[in-house]
Amino acid sequence: MTIAAGTPGIELMERAGAAVADAVTRRGGAGTSVTVVCGPGNNGGDGFVAARILREHGMQVRAVLLGAAEELVGDAAIAFTRWRGPVLPVAALEQDAPDLYIDALFGAGLARPLAGDAAKAVAVMNASGREIIALDVPSGLSGDTGRTEGPVVRATETVTFFRLKPGHLLQPGRELCGPVTVADIGISAEVLDPIGAKVFVNEPALWREAWPHHAADTHKFRRGAVAIIAGGIAGVGAPRLSGRAALRIGAGLATILCEPEALSTHAARGPDALMQRAVPDAAALSAFLEDPRVAVAVAGPALGLDLRAAELVKALAAGDKSIVLDADALTLVAGPLGGAAAMLSQRGASTTVLTPHDGEFQRLFGKEPQIAGEASKLERARKAAALANSVVVYKGSDTVIAAPDERAAINVTGSAALATAGSGDVLAGFVGGLLAQGMPAFEAACAAVWLHGRAGEERGLGLIADDLPEAIPPLLRDFS
């Protein structure tokens, strides 16, 4: 559309090449030796532009081309003629490693494994120990899935254009890209208008307008009451983490609904703000949830896998309350309760949020034909959300949040510190606490995941799950 509106393709290529050249000049000045490894398409054309600009800046530049120069066409051929320098074959890469490489072999649209000279070029660059600036995506990486089926460049930095692609955010692509710079080369945002944006980076701009705000005359039930469905005495900690998280993120009331023999143990534990009640069976749960002031139920953390647990989850799914299902509840849905699609797809307007890690996701959806063969985590999550008529939080270092209407967000916050027992229980509580305050399910899940990640970043290695709810209040100041 940008080209159709009058911007020549070669002008966009010039801007792209200049953006890559800028990234290189931030790392080295005149005299720096740079090898630009160009592919046979437009990515290679961008590389030739960068090579010309860097040579004009006084760098020692050599260009290597995969294939024959006479096979270049269109804008790439124009960029090649403007280079006016020698062009070396891939075999030349094995001689005299430069200070820095530019990987301009292939872009995000590559749909096949690298082989032959392309694979050889990648191997030489990776083995050199030198910095590599990748153009668009590291060669060999799928821009759609973040996956690779063969050799792939391990970039020091990636420069892309217009907007981030899923492959920049989904693992292992995120690690392979290094820091990603998005360069504005004049592509209009209107190119998305005909299709409408459906996939987003999870950041506050996505959900800030839906953030709950409370007037001065509010009270605890207006701020939302959350029921935490708990198991027996052997699993007291996990549901309390969820309840504490719901309170810290702003819910007005959280009540643990546990087996009768666990009630005294819960009562002896803090915080005092967390309520508890004995719920022996599904009938007692249904009676509690008849209270219209209870907005949301969170089930799964240390719930157990016994008959009581199964009956409680079944009752939640059959009811009209918003529910967040995690951990044991997901295992029950995937097994004895018959599967997420069959059990949850008919909930209608009721809100359901599922928070599986990869193993739980595979148990829930791995045998669904339309999901089993899907390479992209993003698309697996979107298809699962549609099947189960639920918001799916597909957890991991590249958590994907997907809604039944095809919207999806890829999260970018978090750290290895979150890989600790109870972290997921806290996240489920965050989601429940925001739902209880009236936030729509997709936006609530996105906000909860983002804040959970930021809390992990703030506390760092050494945190335990108990620390995460306590890290939330300072983060909420930006949204009050």
Protein backbone atom coordinates (compact mmCIF):
# COMPACT_ATOMS: atom_id res chain seq x y z
CA MET A 1 0.00 0.00 0.00
CA THR A 2 2.87 2.39 0.78
CA ILE A 3 4.38 1.72 -2.64
CA ALA A 4 0.95 2.01 -4.28
CA ALA A 5 0.53 5.41 -2.61
CA GLY A 6 3.57 6.70 -4.44
CA THR A 7 6.68 5.81 -2.41
CA PRO A 8 9.07 3.94 -4.71
CA GLY A 9 10.24 0.57 -3.43
CA ILE A 10 13.88 1.56 -3.85
CA GLU A 11 13.25 4.53 -1.53
CA LEU A 12 11.97 2.20 1.19
CA MET A 13 15.03 0.00 0.57
CA GLU A 14 17.32 3.02 0.96
CA ARG A 15 15.70 3.87 4.28
CA ALA A 16 15.96 0.27 5.48
CA GLY A 17 19.62 0.05 4.55
CA ALA A 18 20.29 3.37 6.28
CA ALA A 19 18.64 2.10 9.47
CA VAL A 20 20.92 -0.94 9.48
CA ALA A 21 23.93 1.28 8.81
CA ASP A 22 22.95 3.41 11.82
CA ALA A 23 22.95 0.29 14.03
CA VAL A 24 26.44 -0.56 12.83
CA THR A 25 27.83 2.95 13.36
CA ARG A 26 26.66 2.80 16.99
CA ARG A 27 29.07 -0.10 17.40
CA GLY A 28 32.07 1.07 15.39
CA GLY A 29 33.57 4.07 13.62
CA ALA A 30 35.80 4.71 10.63
CA GLY A 31 38.16 1.83 9.97
CA THR A 32 35.80 -0.83 11.36
CA SER A 33 35.74 -3.85 9.08
CA VAL A 34 32.26 -5.02 8.10
CA THR A 35 31.16 -7.93 5.94
CA VAL A 36 27.64 -7.68 4.53
CA VAL A 37 26.23 -11.10 3.62
CA CYS A 38 23.50 -10.51 1.05
CA GLY A 39 20.79 -12.85 -0.14
CA PRO A 40 19.16 -12.97 -3.58
CA GLY A 41 16.05 -10.95 -2.67
CA ASN A 42 15.05 -7.63 -1.16
CA ASN A 43 16.81 -8.41 2.11
CA GLY A 44 20.02 -8.58 0.11
CA GLY A 45 19.11 -5.27 -1.55
CA ASP A 46 18.80 -3.65 1.89
CA GLY A 47 22.22 -5.10 2.66
CA PHE A 48 23.82 -3.52 -0.43
CA VAL A 49 22.41 -0.13 0.59
CA ALA A 50 23.89 -0.53 4.09
CA ALA A 51 27.23 -1.57 2.58
CA ARG A 52 27.37 1.55 0.40
CA ILE A 53 26.49 3.90 3.27
CA LEU A 54 29.00 2.35 5.65
CA ARG A 55 31.77 2.60 3.06
CA GLU A 56 30.90 6.30 2.67
CA HIS A 57 31.36 6.58 6.46
CA GLY A 58 34.92 5.31 6.18
CA MET A 59 34.39 1.69 7.20
CA GLN A 60 36.17 -1.18 5.50
CA VAL A 61 33.26 -2.95 3.81
CA ARG A 62 33.07 -6.07 1.72
CA ALA A 63 29.90 -7.54 0.23
CA VAL A 64 29.24 -11.24 -0.11
CA LEU A 65 26.39 -12.44 -2.31
CA LEU A 66 24.55 -15.73 -2.17
CA GLY A 67 24.00 -16.58 -5.84
CA ALA A 68 24.79 -14.64 -8.99
CA ALA A 69 24.51 -10.88 -9.38
CA GLU A 70 22.77 -11.21 -12.74
CA GLU A 71 19.92 -13.05 -11.03
CA LEU A 72 19.02 -10.01 -8.87
CA VAL A 73 15.81 -8.28 -9.95
CA GLY A 74 13.75 -5.22 -9.15
CA ASP A 75 14.82 -2.95 -6.30
CA ALA A 76 17.53 -5.40 -5.18
CA ALA A 77 19.17 -5.10 -8.62
CA ILE A 78 19.06 -1.28 -8.37
CA ALA A 79 20.64 -1.36 -4.91
CA PHE A 80 23.35 -3.67 -6.21
CA THR A 81 24.27 -1.32 -9.07
CA ARG A 82 24.50 1.61 -6.61
CA TRP A 83 26.98 -0.35 -4.49
CA ARG A 84 29.67 -0.21 -7.21
CA GLY A 85 32.03 -2.32 -5.18
CA PRO A 86 33.36 -5.84 -5.49
CA VAL A 87 31.04 -8.71 -4.68
CA LEU A 88 32.55 -11.88 -3.27
CA PRO A 89 31.18 -15.45 -3.21
CA VAL A 90 30.15 -17.18 0.00
CA ALA A 91 33.44 -19.09 0.04
CA ALA A 92 35.22 -15.79 0.80
CA LEU A 93 33.60 -15.72 4.25
CA GLU A 94 36.14 -18.25 5.46
CA GLN A 95 38.94 -15.73 4.99
CA ASP A 96 39.72 -12.95 7.48
CA ALA A 97 36.75 -12.53 9.80
CA PRO A 98 35.68 -8.84 10.06
CA ASP A 99 34.94 -6.85 13.18
CA LEU A 100 31.22 -7.20 12.46
CA TYR A 101 28.80 -8.97 10.12
CA ILE A 102 25.51 -7.78 8.66
CA ASP A 103 23.18 -10.70 8.03
CA ALA A 104 21.12 -9.68 4.98
CA LEU A 105 20.51 -13.18 3.63
CA PHE A 106 16.80 -13.80 4.19
CA GLY A 107 13.95 -11.97 5.88
CA ALA A 108 10.85 -12.90 7.84
CA GLY A 109 9.07 -14.58 4.95
CA LEU A 110 11.48 -17.51 4.66
CA ALA A 111 9.51 -20.78 4.73
CA ARG A 112 12.20 -23.41 4.27
CA PRO A 113 15.30 -24.61 6.14
CA LEU A 114 18.60 -23.10 5.03
CA ALA A 115 20.87 -25.42 3.11
CA GLY A 116 23.95 -25.37 0.89
CA ASP A 117 25.88 -22.09 0.70
CA ALA A 118 23.27 -20.31 2.83
CA ALA A 119 23.79 -22.77 5.67
CA LYS A 120 27.55 -22.48 5.22
CA ALA A 121 27.36 -18.68 5.49
CA VAL A 122 25.36 -18.93 8.71
CA ALA A 123 27.80 -21.42 10.19
CA VAL A 124 30.79 -19.16 9.45
CA MET A 125 29.13 -16.10 10.98
CA ASN A 126 28.01 -17.95 14.11
CA ALA A 127 31.41 -19.58 14.63
CA SER A 128 33.35 -16.33 14.22
CA GLY A 129 32.58 -14.91 17.65
CA ARG A 130 31.98 -11.53 16.01
CA GLU A 131 28.92 -9.32 16.42
CA ILE A 132 26.13 -9.92 13.90
CA ILE A 133 23.48 -7.34 13.01
CA ALA A 134 20.52 -9.14 11.45
CA LEU A 135 18.32 -7.39 8.95
CA ASP A 136 14.57 -7.95 9.56
CA VAL A 137 15.06 -11.32 11.32
CA PRO A 138 18.08 -13.56 11.76
CA SER A 139 18.33 -15.67 8.61
CA GLY A 140 16.75 -19.06 9.08
CA LEU A 141 14.14 -17.80 11.55
CA SER A 142 10.43 -17.80 10.77
CA GLY A 143 8.96 -14.35 11.29
CA ASP A 144 5.56 -15.91 11.92
CA THR A 145 6.41 -18.58 14.48
CA GLY A 146 9.79 -17.66 16.00
CA ARG A 147 10.94 -21.18 15.15
CA THR A 148 13.65 -22.56 12.92
CA GLU A 149 13.82 -25.88 11.14
CA GLY A 150 17.53 -25.69 10.30
CA PRO A 151 20.60 -23.44 10.64
CA VAL A 152 19.87 -19.98 11.96
CA VAL A 153 21.91 -16.86 12.66
CA ARG A 154 22.44 -15.98 16.32
CA ALA A 155 22.26 -12.21 16.12
CA THR A 156 23.74 -9.62 18.45
CA GLU A 157 21.01 -7.20 17.40
CA THR A 158 18.16 -7.22 14.89
CA VAL A 159 16.88 -4.24 12.93
CA THR A 160 13.37 -4.60 11.59
CA PHE A 161 10.90 -2.24 9.96
CA PHE A 162 7.40 -0.87 10.55
CA ARG A 163 6.41 -3.18 13.43
CA LEU A 164 7.58 -6.20 15.40
CA LYS A 165 6.73 -9.62 14.03
CA PRO A 166 5.69 -12.63 16.12
CA GLY A 167 9.06 -14.26 15.45
CA HIS A 168 10.82 -11.42 17.27
CA LEU A 169 8.85 -12.19 20.44
CA LEU A 170 8.17 -15.94 20.43
CA GLN A 171 10.88 -18.33 21.60
CA PRO A 172 13.43 -19.30 20.44
CA GLY A 173 13.24 -16.30 18.11
CA ARG A 174 13.41 -13.80 20.95
CA GLU A 175 16.77 -15.18 22.09
CA LEU A 176 18.11 -15.51 18.55
CA CYS A 177 17.26 -11.90 17.64
CA GLY A 178 18.99 -10.19 20.54
CA PRO A 179 17.69 -6.64 21.16
CA VAL A 180 15.34 -5.61 18.35
CA THR A 181 15.26 -2.10 16.91
CA VAL A 182 12.12 -1.15 14.98
CA ALA A 183 13.05 1.43 12.35
CA ASP A 184 10.53 3.81 10.84
CA ILE A 185 11.10 3.72 7.08
CA GLY A 186 7.87 5.48 6.13
CA ILE A 187 5.44 2.57 5.92
CA SER A 188 2.01 3.91 6.82
CA ALA A 189 0.03 2.30 9.63
CA GLU A 190 -2.93 2.41 7.23
CA VAL A 191 -1.61 -0.74 5.56
CA LEU A 192 -3.22 -2.61 8.49
CA ASP A 193 -6.63 -1.00 8.06
CA PRO A 194 -8.04 -3.48 5.52
CA ILE A 195 -7.36 -6.47 7.80
CA GLY A 196 -7.37 -4.88 11.26
CA ALA A 197 -4.66 -5.60 13.79
CA LYS A 198 -5.33 -8.81 15.71
CA VAL A 199 -1.92 -9.56 17.25
CA PHE A 200 -0.27 -7.17 19.68
CA VAL A 201 2.73 -6.74 21.91
CA ASN A 202 1.42 -6.97 25.47
CA GLU A 203 2.03 -3.53 26.90
CA PRO A 204 -0.09 -1.08 28.94
CA ALA A 205 -1.32 0.79 25.85
CA LEU A 206 -3.25 -2.36 24.94
CA TRP A 207 -5.32 -2.46 28.14
CA ARG A 208 -4.89 0.84 29.99
CA GLU A 209 -8.32 2.17 28.94
CA ALA A 210 -9.95 -0.91 30.48
CA TRP A 211 -8.08 -0.55 33.77
CA PRO A 212 -10.53 -0.41 36.73
CA HIS A 213 -10.94 2.91 38.51
CA HIS A 214 -12.82 3.27 41.78
CA ALA A 215 -14.63 6.32 43.10
CA ALA A 216 -14.05 7.62 46.61
CA ASP A 217 -17.38 6.18 47.78
CA THR A 218 -16.67 2.62 46.66
CA HIS A 219 -16.78 -0.38 48.98
CA LYS A 220 -15.30 -3.86 49.03
CA PHE A 221 -18.04 -5.53 47.00
CA ARG A 222 -17.89 -2.87 44.30
CA ARG A 223 -14.19 -3.57 44.07
CA GLY A 224 -15.07 -7.22 43.57
CA ALA A 225 -15.25 -10.41 45.60
CA VAL A 226 -13.19 -13.44 44.56
CA ALA A 227 -13.75 -17.04 45.62
CA ILE A 228 -10.60 -19.18 45.72
CA ILE A 229 -11.52 -22.86 45.41
CA ALA A 230 -9.09 -24.81 47.59
CA GLY A 231 -8.38 -28.45 48.45
CA GLY A 232 -7.35 -30.15 51.64
CA ILE A 233 -4.80 -29.63 54.37
CA ALA A 234 -1.88 -30.80 52.23
CA GLY A 235 -2.22 -27.82 49.89
CA VAL A 236 -2.88 -24.76 51.98
CA GLY A 237 -0.20 -22.48 50.53
CA ALA A 238 -1.06 -22.33 46.83
CA PRO A 239 -4.66 -21.10 47.09
CA ARG A 240 -3.59 -18.53 49.66
CA LEU A 241 -1.05 -17.19 47.19
CA SER A 242 -3.88 -16.76 44.68
CA GLY A 243 -6.09 -15.06 47.24
CA ARG A 244 -3.35 -12.71 48.41
CA ALA A 245 -2.59 -11.84 44.77
CA ALA A 246 -6.24 -11.03 44.08
CA LEU A 247 -6.32 -8.66 47.04
CA ARG A 248 -3.04 -6.97 46.21
CA ILE A 249 -4.13 -6.23 42.65
CA GLY A 250 -7.25 -4.50 43.90
CA ALA A 251 -10.08 -6.93 44.62
CA GLY A 252 -12.13 -5.92 47.63
CA LEU A 253 -12.58 -9.39 49.14
CA ALA A 254 -11.09 -12.85 48.70
CA THR A 255 -12.42 -15.99 50.38
CA ILE A 256 -10.76 -19.41 50.49
CA LEU A 257 -13.32 -22.21 50.06
CA CYS A 258 -11.59 -25.31 51.40
CA GLU A 259 -12.26 -28.83 52.64
CA PRO A 260 -13.66 -28.74 56.21
CA GLU A 261 -10.59 -30.38 57.78
CA ALA A 262 -8.35 -27.66 56.33
CA LEU A 263 -10.36 -24.76 57.71
CA SER A 264 -8.47 -24.41 61.00
CA THR A 265 -5.14 -24.49 59.21
CA HIS A 266 -6.25 -21.72 56.87
CA ALA A 267 -7.58 -19.71 59.79
CA ALA A 268 -4.17 -19.89 61.48
CA ARG A 269 -2.37 -18.46 58.44
CA GLY A 270 -2.06 -14.85 57.32
CA PRO A 271 -2.95 -12.42 56.04
CA ASP A 272 -5.93 -11.65 58.24
CA ALA A 273 -7.58 -9.90 55.28
CA LEU A 274 -8.03 -13.27 53.56
CA MET A 275 -11.32 -14.95 54.49
CA GLN A 276 -11.94 -18.70 54.64
CA ARG A 277 -14.96 -20.99 54.65
CA ALA A 278 -15.49 -24.75 54.63
CA VAL A 279 -17.00 -26.07 51.38
CA PRO A 280 -17.35 -29.85 51.49
CA ASP A 281 -19.03 -30.41 48.13
CA ALA A 282 -20.45 -28.93 44.94
CA ALA A 283 -23.79 -28.14 46.57
CA ALA A 284 -22.07 -25.99 49.20
CA LEU A 285 -20.04 -24.26 46.50
CA SER A 286 -23.11 -23.50 44.42
CA ALA A 287 -24.84 -22.09 47.48
CA PHE A 288 -21.91 -19.79 48.19
CA LEU A 289 -21.77 -18.59 44.59
CA GLU A 290 -25.46 -17.71 44.59
CA ASP A 291 -24.42 -14.52 46.36
CA PRO A 292 -24.49 -11.95 43.52
CA ARG A 293 -21.70 -10.01 45.18
CA VAL A 294 -19.23 -12.81 44.38
CA ALA A 295 -17.88 -11.92 40.96
CA VAL A 296 -15.20 -14.50 40.14
CA ALA A 297 -14.01 -17.96 41.15
CA VAL A 298 -10.38 -19.07 40.83
CA ALA A 299 -9.84 -22.83 40.86
CA GLY A 300 -6.83 -25.07 40.52
CA PRO A 301 -3.92 -24.21 42.80
CA ALA A 302 -3.56 -27.24 45.14
CA LEU A 303 -7.21 -28.09 44.48
CA GLY A 304 -6.47 -31.81 44.19
CA LEU A 305 -7.60 -34.37 41.66
CA ASP A 306 -10.14 -36.27 43.73
CA LEU A 307 -13.89 -36.60 43.25
CA ARG A 308 -14.66 -33.46 45.27
CA ALA A 309 -12.29 -31.41 43.13
CA ALA A 310 -13.80 -32.75 39.91
CA GLU A 311 -17.33 -32.01 41.08
CA LEU A 312 -16.37 -28.46 42.10
CA VAL A 313 -14.82 -27.69 38.71
CA LYS A 314 -17.83 -29.21 36.96
CA ALA A 315 -20.12 -26.98 39.02
CA LEU A 316 -18.07 -23.90 38.15
CA ALA A 317 -18.21 -24.66 34.45
CA ALA A 318 -21.97 -25.17 34.62
CA GLY A 319 -22.50 -21.91 36.51
CA ASP A 320 -22.68 -18.30 35.40
CA LYS A 321 -19.76 -16.81 37.34
CA SER A 322 -16.54 -15.75 35.68
CA ILE A 323 -13.91 -18.41 36.35
CA VAL A 324 -10.14 -18.72 36.18
CA LEU A 325 -8.93 -22.30 35.83
CA ASP A 326 -5.31 -23.18 36.58
CA ALA A 327 -3.17 -26.14 37.66
CA ASP A 328 -5.24 -29.07 39.00
CA ALA A 329 -8.45 -27.67 37.51
CA LEU A 330 -6.88 -27.82 34.04
CA THR A 331 -5.77 -31.39 34.61
CA LEU A 332 -9.31 -32.32 35.61
CA VAL A 333 -10.81 -30.60 32.57
CA ALA A 334 -8.36 -32.35 30.27
CA GLY A 335 -9.01 -35.77 31.83
CA PRO A 336 -12.06 -36.99 33.70
CA LEU A 337 -14.21 -33.97 32.82
CA GLY A 338 -13.93 -34.59 29.10
CA GLY A 339 -11.87 -31.82 27.56
CA ALA A 340 -11.88 -28.04 27.42
CA ALA A 341 -13.67 -27.67 24.11
CA ALA A 342 -16.55 -29.95 25.09
CA MET A 343 -16.86 -28.60 28.61
CA LEU A 344 -16.36 -24.86 28.20
CA SER A 345 -17.39 -23.87 24.68
CA GLN A 346 -21.08 -23.56 25.64
CA ARG A 347 -20.58 -21.17 28.55
CA GLY A 348 -21.97 -18.40 26.33
CA ALA A 349 -21.44 -14.96 27.77
CA SER A 350 -19.80 -16.37 30.88
CA THR A 351 -16.15 -15.49 31.19
CA THR A 352 -13.57 -18.26 31.31
CA VAL A 353 -9.82 -17.77 31.55
CA LEU A 354 -7.47 -20.76 31.27
CA THR A 355 -3.84 -20.41 32.38
CA PRO A 356 -1.92 -23.49 31.16
CA HIS A 357 1.82 -23.97 30.94
CA ASP A 358 3.00 -25.99 27.96
CA GLY A 359 2.42 -29.42 29.52
CA GLU A 360 -1.10 -28.49 30.59
CA PHE A 361 -1.80 -26.96 27.20
CA GLN A 362 -0.80 -30.19 25.48
CA ARG A 363 -3.09 -32.20 27.75
CA LEU A 364 -5.96 -29.81 27.08
CA PHE A 365 -5.57 -29.24 23.36
CA GLY A 366 -2.72 -31.37 22.02
CA LYS A 367 -5.04 -33.94 20.42
CA GLU A 368 -7.27 -31.40 18.70
CA PRO A 369 -6.58 -31.87 14.94
CA GLN A 370 -6.43 -28.17 14.12
CA ILE A 371 -3.93 -27.56 16.92
CA ALA A 372 -1.79 -30.70 16.94
CA GLY A 373 0.08 -29.83 13.74
CA GLU A 374 0.38 -26.09 14.32
CA ALA A 375 3.99 -24.90 14.58
CA SER A 376 3.28 -21.46 16.02
CA LYS A 377 2.60 -21.03 19.73
CA LEU A 378 0.66 -17.92 18.82
CA GLU A 379 -1.67 -19.77 16.47
CA ARG A 380 -2.04 -22.71 18.86
CA ALA A 381 -3.22 -20.32 21.54
CA ARG A 382 -5.64 -18.53 19.21
CA LYS A 383 -7.19 -21.78 17.99
CA ALA A 384 -7.47 -23.10 21.54
CA ALA A 385 -9.23 -19.92 22.65
CA ALA A 386 -11.76 -20.28 19.84
CA LEU A 387 -12.35 -23.98 20.57
CA ALA A 388 -12.91 -23.48 24.28
CA ASN A 389 -14.64 -20.10 23.98
CA SER A 390 -12.18 -18.91 26.61
CA VAL A 391 -9.31 -16.53 27.05
CA VAL A 392 -6.19 -18.70 27.04
CA VAL A 393 -3.02 -17.61 28.83
CA TYR A 394 -0.43 -19.94 27.30
CA LYS A 395 2.38 -19.46 29.80
CA GLY A 396 6.14 -19.46 29.32
CA SER A 397 8.97 -17.02 28.78
CA ASP A 398 6.95 -15.90 25.74
CA THR A 399 3.45 -16.04 27.25
CA VAL A 400 0.67 -15.67 24.68
CA ILE A 401 -2.74 -14.35 25.69
CA ALA A 402 -5.49 -15.23 23.19
CA ALA A 403 -9.21 -14.45 23.03
CA PRO A 404 -11.99 -16.30 21.20
CA ASP A 405 -12.38 -13.35 18.78
CA GLU A 406 -8.82 -13.95 17.40
CA ARG A 407 -7.16 -11.14 19.34
CA ALA A 408 -3.84 -12.18 20.82
CA ALA A 409 -0.95 -10.57 22.64
CA ILE A 410 2.61 -11.73 23.18
CA ASN A 411 4.11 -10.76 26.51
CA VAL A 412 7.55 -9.19 26.81
CA THR A 413 7.95 -8.74 30.58
CA GLY A 414 9.40 -11.24 33.03
CA SER A 415 12.65 -12.97 33.89
CA ALA A 416 14.06 -16.31 34.97
CA ALA A 417 13.24 -15.30 38.55
CA LEU A 418 9.61 -16.23 37.86
CA ALA A 419 10.52 -19.89 37.38
CA THR A 420 9.70 -20.69 40.99
CA ALA A 421 7.02 -22.73 42.75
CA GLY A 422 3.79 -20.81 43.24
CA SER A 423 4.44 -18.20 40.57
CA GLY A 424 1.54 -19.46 38.46
CA ASP A 425 -0.78 -19.49 41.49
CA VAL A 426 -0.08 -15.80 41.94
CA LEU A 427 -0.78 -15.09 38.28
CA ALA A 428 -4.17 -16.84 38.50
CA GLY A 429 -5.00 -14.63 41.48
CA PHE A 430 -4.00 -11.50 39.58
CA VAL A 431 -6.32 -12.44 36.72
CA GLY A 432 -9.16 -13.16 39.12
CA GLY A 433 -8.64 -9.93 41.01
CA LEU A 434 -8.83 -7.82 37.85
CA LEU A 435 -11.87 -9.70 36.55
CA ALA A 436 -13.60 -9.09 39.87
CA GLN A 437 -13.11 -5.36 39.36
CA GLY A 438 -14.94 -5.49 36.05
CA MET A 439 -12.05 -5.60 33.64
CA PRO A 440 -12.87 -7.53 30.43
CA ALA A 441 -11.28 -10.97 30.32
CA PHE A 442 -8.74 -10.42 27.54
CA GLU A 443 -7.56 -7.11 28.95
CA ALA A 444 -7.53 -8.48 32.51
CA ALA A 445 -5.39 -11.43 31.46
CA CYS A 446 -3.00 -9.20 29.50
CA ALA A 447 -2.63 -6.76 32.40
CA ALA A 448 -2.12 -9.57 34.92
CA VAL A 449 0.59 -11.21 32.81
CA TRP A 450 2.38 -7.91 32.21
CA LEU A 451 2.34 -6.93 35.89
CA HIS A 452 3.37 -10.44 36.96
CA GLY A 453 6.38 -10.14 34.67
CA ARG A 454 7.27 -6.66 35.89
CA ALA A 455 7.04 -7.84 39.50
CA GLY A 456 9.50 -10.62 38.67
CA GLU A 457 11.87 -8.13 37.06
CA GLU A 458 11.68 -5.81 40.04
CA ARG A 459 12.39 -8.47 42.66
CA GLY A 460 14.93 -10.43 40.59
CA LEU A 461 16.60 -13.73 41.33
CA GLY A 462 16.08 -14.90 44.86
CA LEU A 463 12.39 -14.07 44.91
CA ILE A 464 9.84 -16.60 46.05
CA ALA A 465 6.22 -16.56 44.97
CA ASP A 466 5.21 -14.89 48.25
CA ASP A 467 7.15 -11.82 47.13
CA LEU A 468 5.15 -11.27 43.95
CA PRO A 469 1.89 -9.93 45.43
CA GLU A 470 3.92 -7.58 47.63
CA ALA A 471 5.71 -6.18 44.56
CA ILE A 472 2.44 -5.13 42.94
CA PRO A 473 1.34 -1.99 44.89
CA PRO A 474 4.25 0.20 43.68
CA LEU A 475 3.54 -0.88 40.11
CA LEU A 476 -0.12 0.10 40.40
CA ARG A 477 0.73 3.75 41.02
CA ASP A 478 1.14 4.18 37.26
CA PHE A 479 -2.48 3.13 36.70
CA SER A 480 -4.33 4.92 39.50
